[in-house]
C-alpha cells in the first residue's frame, strides 16, 4: 500500500504534512532568500530601489495582491 493511500482525506494528511515541515530554522531564512533575489532583480534589471525599504508593509501586501493577480490571469507574462 502506498503512503498516499494511507490518508482517506486531507484532514488526515495535514498533521503528517506539518510534521514533515517542522524544521523552523530553514523557514526563517525563506523571506531573506526570496527577498534577496527580488532586491537584486530591482537593482540589476529594474534599475530602481525596492519599495520594501520605504514601505515594508505595503510592499508585502502588494506582493500577495500581485501573486493573486498572476494566478487569476489579471497580470500576464
N, C-alpha and C. Protein backbone atom coordinates (compact mmCIF):
# COMPACT_ATOMS: atom_id res chain seq x y z
N UNK A 1 0.85 -1.18 0.00
CA UNK A 1 0.00 0.00 0.00
C UNK A 1 0.90 1.24 0.00
N UNK A 2 0.63 2.18 -0.89
CA UNK A 2 1.44 3.39 -0.97
C UNK A 2 1.11 4.32 0.19
N UNK A 3 2.08 5.20 0.50
CA UNK A 3 1.87 6.13 1.60
C UNK A 3 0.72 7.08 1.31
N UNK A 4 0.53 7.44 0.04
CA UNK A 4 -0.54 8.35 -0.34
C UNK A 4 -1.90 7.76 -0.01
N UNK A 5 -2.09 6.47 -0.23
CA UNK A 5 -3.40 5.88 0.02
C UNK A 5 -3.65 5.65 1.51
N UNK A 6 -2.66 5.89 2.38
CA UNK A 6 -2.86 5.73 3.81
C UNK A 6 -3.75 6.83 4.39
N UNK A 7 -3.95 7.89 3.64
CA UNK A 7 -4.78 9.01 4.09
C UNK A 7 -6.10 8.97 3.35
N UNK A 8 -7.19 9.00 4.08
CA UNK A 8 -8.50 8.97 3.44
C UNK A 8 -8.94 10.35 2.97
N UNK A 9 -8.38 11.40 3.59
CA UNK A 9 -8.77 12.75 3.21
C UNK A 9 -7.67 13.72 3.65
N UNK A 10 -7.85 14.97 3.31
CA UNK A 10 -6.84 15.99 3.63
C UNK A 10 -6.71 16.20 5.14
N UNK A 11 -7.81 16.08 5.87
CA UNK A 11 -7.75 16.26 7.33
C UNK A 11 -6.83 15.25 7.98
N UNK A 12 -6.78 14.04 7.46
CA UNK A 12 -5.86 13.04 7.99
C UNK A 12 -4.43 13.29 7.51
N UNK A 13 -4.28 13.83 6.33
CA UNK A 13 -2.96 14.08 5.75
C UNK A 13 -2.26 15.27 6.39
N UNK A 14 -3.00 16.32 6.73
CA UNK A 14 -2.41 17.59 7.14
C UNK A 14 -1.48 17.47 8.36
N UNK A 15 -1.83 16.75 9.43
CA UNK A 15 -0.88 16.61 10.54
C UNK A 15 0.45 15.98 10.09
N UNK A 16 0.38 15.01 9.21
CA UNK A 16 1.59 14.40 8.64
C UNK A 16 2.41 15.45 7.88
N UNK A 17 1.73 16.26 7.09
CA UNK A 17 2.37 17.31 6.30
C UNK A 17 3.10 18.30 7.22
N UNK A 18 2.43 18.72 8.29
CA UNK A 18 3.06 19.66 9.23
C UNK A 18 4.28 19.04 9.89
N UNK A 19 4.20 17.77 10.24
CA UNK A 19 5.34 17.09 10.86
C UNK A 19 6.53 17.04 9.91
N UNK A 20 6.27 16.89 8.63
CA UNK A 20 7.33 16.83 7.62
C UNK A 20 7.97 18.20 7.38
N UNK A 21 7.36 19.26 7.88
CA UNK A 21 7.87 20.63 7.71
C UNK A 21 8.08 21.28 9.08
N UNK A 22 8.73 20.58 9.98
CA UNK A 22 8.85 21.07 11.35
C UNK A 22 10.17 21.77 11.65
N UNK A 23 11.10 21.81 10.71
CA UNK A 23 12.38 22.47 10.95
C UNK A 23 12.23 23.97 10.73
N UNK A 24 12.02 24.68 11.82
CA UNK A 24 11.74 26.12 11.76
C UNK A 24 12.95 26.92 11.28
N UNK A 25 14.17 26.42 11.49
CA UNK A 25 15.37 27.18 11.13
C UNK A 25 15.35 27.58 9.67
N UNK A 26 15.05 26.65 8.77
CA UNK A 26 15.02 26.96 7.34
C UNK A 26 13.85 27.87 7.00
N UNK A 27 12.75 27.71 7.68
CA UNK A 27 11.57 28.54 7.43
C UNK A 27 11.89 30.01 7.67
N UNK A 28 12.68 30.29 8.67
CA UNK A 28 13.02 31.68 8.99
C UNK A 28 13.90 32.31 7.92
N UNK A 29 14.63 31.51 7.16
CA UNK A 29 15.51 32.05 6.12
C UNK A 29 14.78 32.32 4.81
N UNK A 30 13.62 31.73 4.62
CA UNK A 30 12.91 31.87 3.34
C UNK A 30 12.63 33.32 2.94
N UNK A 31 12.15 34.17 3.84
CA UNK A 31 11.93 35.56 3.42
C UNK A 31 13.22 36.25 2.94
N UNK A 32 14.32 35.99 3.64
CA UNK A 32 15.58 36.61 3.23
C UNK A 32 16.04 36.11 1.87
N UNK A 33 15.87 34.83 1.63
CA UNK A 33 16.27 34.26 0.34
C UNK A 33 15.38 34.82 -0.77
N UNK A 34 14.08 34.77 -0.56
CA UNK A 34 13.14 35.25 -1.57
C UNK A 34 13.30 36.73 -1.86
N UNK A 35 13.36 37.52 -0.79
CA UNK A 35 13.51 38.96 -1.00
C UNK A 35 14.90 39.31 -1.51
N UNK A 36 15.89 38.51 -1.17
CA UNK A 36 17.24 38.75 -1.69
C UNK A 36 17.25 38.72 -3.21
N UNK A 37 16.62 37.71 -3.80
CA UNK A 37 16.53 37.64 -5.26
C UNK A 37 15.74 38.81 -5.82
N UNK A 38 14.66 39.17 -5.14
CA UNK A 38 13.84 40.29 -5.61
C UNK A 38 14.62 41.60 -5.57
N UNK A 39 15.38 41.80 -4.50
CA UNK A 39 16.15 43.04 -4.38
C UNK A 39 17.23 43.12 -5.45
N UNK A 40 17.91 42.03 -5.71
CA UNK A 40 18.91 42.01 -6.78
C UNK A 40 18.24 42.33 -8.11
N UNK A 41 17.08 41.73 -8.34
CA UNK A 41 16.34 42.00 -9.59
C UNK A 41 15.98 43.46 -9.74
N UNK A 42 15.58 44.09 -8.65
CA UNK A 42 15.25 45.51 -8.73
C UNK A 42 16.48 46.34 -9.08
N UNK A 43 17.59 46.09 -8.42
CA UNK A 43 18.79 46.88 -8.68
C UNK A 43 19.37 46.60 -10.06
N UNK A 44 19.42 45.33 -10.48
CA UNK A 44 20.08 44.95 -11.72
C UNK A 44 19.20 45.15 -12.94
N UNK A 45 17.95 44.70 -12.87
CA UNK A 45 17.08 44.72 -14.06
C UNK A 45 16.13 45.91 -14.10
N UNK A 46 15.49 46.19 -12.98
CA UNK A 46 14.52 47.29 -12.95
C UNK A 46 15.18 48.65 -12.81
N UNK A 47 16.43 48.66 -12.32
CA UNK A 47 17.19 49.89 -12.09
C UNK A 47 16.47 50.84 -11.13
N UNK A 48 15.93 50.25 -10.05
CA UNK A 48 15.28 51.07 -9.04
C UNK A 48 15.51 50.47 -7.66
N UNK A 49 15.09 51.19 -6.64
CA UNK A 49 15.24 50.74 -5.26
C UNK A 49 13.94 50.07 -4.84
N UNK A 50 14.00 48.87 -4.26
CA UNK A 50 12.79 48.16 -3.86
C UNK A 50 11.93 48.97 -2.89
N UNK A 51 10.63 48.91 -3.08
CA UNK A 51 9.70 49.62 -2.19
C UNK A 51 9.72 49.06 -0.78
N UNK A 52 10.25 47.86 -0.62
CA UNK A 52 10.31 47.22 0.70
C UNK A 52 11.04 48.08 1.72
N UNK A 53 12.03 48.82 1.28
CA UNK A 53 12.83 49.60 2.22
C UNK A 53 12.08 50.80 2.78
N UNK A 54 11.21 51.41 2.01
CA UNK A 54 10.46 52.58 2.49
C UNK A 54 9.06 52.21 2.99
N UNK A 55 8.46 51.19 2.40
CA UNK A 55 7.08 50.82 2.72
C UNK A 55 6.98 49.30 2.88
N UNK A 56 7.57 48.73 3.94
CA UNK A 56 7.63 47.26 4.05
C UNK A 56 6.26 46.58 4.13
N UNK A 57 5.32 47.16 4.86
CA UNK A 57 4.00 46.52 4.99
C UNK A 57 3.24 46.58 3.67
N UNK A 58 3.19 47.77 3.06
CA UNK A 58 2.50 47.89 1.77
C UNK A 58 3.18 47.03 0.70
N UNK A 59 4.49 46.93 0.76
CA UNK A 59 5.21 46.13 -0.21
C UNK A 59 4.83 44.65 -0.08
N UNK A 60 4.77 44.16 1.16
CA UNK A 60 4.36 42.77 1.38
C UNK A 60 2.93 42.55 0.91
N UNK A 61 2.05 43.49 1.22
CA UNK A 61 0.66 43.38 0.75
C UNK A 61 0.62 43.38 -0.78
N UNK A 62 1.44 44.25 -1.38
CA UNK A 62 1.49 44.31 -2.84
C UNK A 62 1.98 43.01 -3.45
N UNK A 63 2.93 42.34 -2.79
CA UNK A 63 3.42 41.05 -3.28
C UNK A 63 2.28 40.04 -3.35
N UNK A 64 1.48 39.98 -2.31
CA UNK A 64 0.39 39.00 -2.29
C UNK A 64 -0.71 39.34 -3.30
N UNK A 65 -1.01 40.62 -3.44
CA UNK A 65 -2.03 41.02 -4.43
C UNK A 65 -1.51 40.75 -5.84
N UNK A 66 -0.24 41.04 -6.10
CA UNK A 66 0.33 40.76 -7.41
C UNK A 66 0.33 39.26 -7.68
N UNK A 67 0.66 38.44 -6.68
CA UNK A 67 0.63 36.99 -6.84
C UNK A 67 -0.78 36.51 -7.19
N UNK A 68 -1.79 37.05 -6.48
CA UNK A 68 -3.17 36.70 -6.80
C UNK A 68 -3.52 37.11 -8.23
N UNK A 69 -3.11 38.30 -8.62
CA UNK A 69 -3.42 38.78 -9.97
C UNK A 69 -2.75 37.91 -11.04
N UNK A 70 -1.57 37.40 -10.75
CA UNK A 70 -0.91 36.48 -11.68
C UNK A 70 -1.70 35.18 -11.77
N UNK A 71 -2.12 34.66 -10.61
CA UNK A 71 -2.87 33.40 -10.59
C UNK A 71 -4.20 33.48 -11.34
N UNK A 72 -4.88 34.62 -11.22
CA UNK A 72 -6.19 34.74 -11.88
C UNK A 72 -6.08 35.29 -13.31
N UNK A 73 -4.87 35.56 -13.75
CA UNK A 73 -4.67 36.00 -15.12
C UNK A 73 -4.80 37.48 -15.36
N UNK A 74 -4.92 38.26 -14.33
CA UNK A 74 -5.02 39.72 -14.48
C UNK A 74 -3.68 40.30 -14.93
N UNK A 75 -2.57 39.69 -14.47
CA UNK A 75 -1.23 40.07 -14.91
C UNK A 75 -0.69 38.89 -15.71
N UNK A 76 -0.28 39.17 -16.93
CA UNK A 76 0.23 38.12 -17.81
C UNK A 76 1.72 38.32 -18.06
N UNK A 77 2.39 37.24 -18.35
CA UNK A 77 3.82 37.29 -18.65
C UNK A 77 4.00 37.37 -20.15
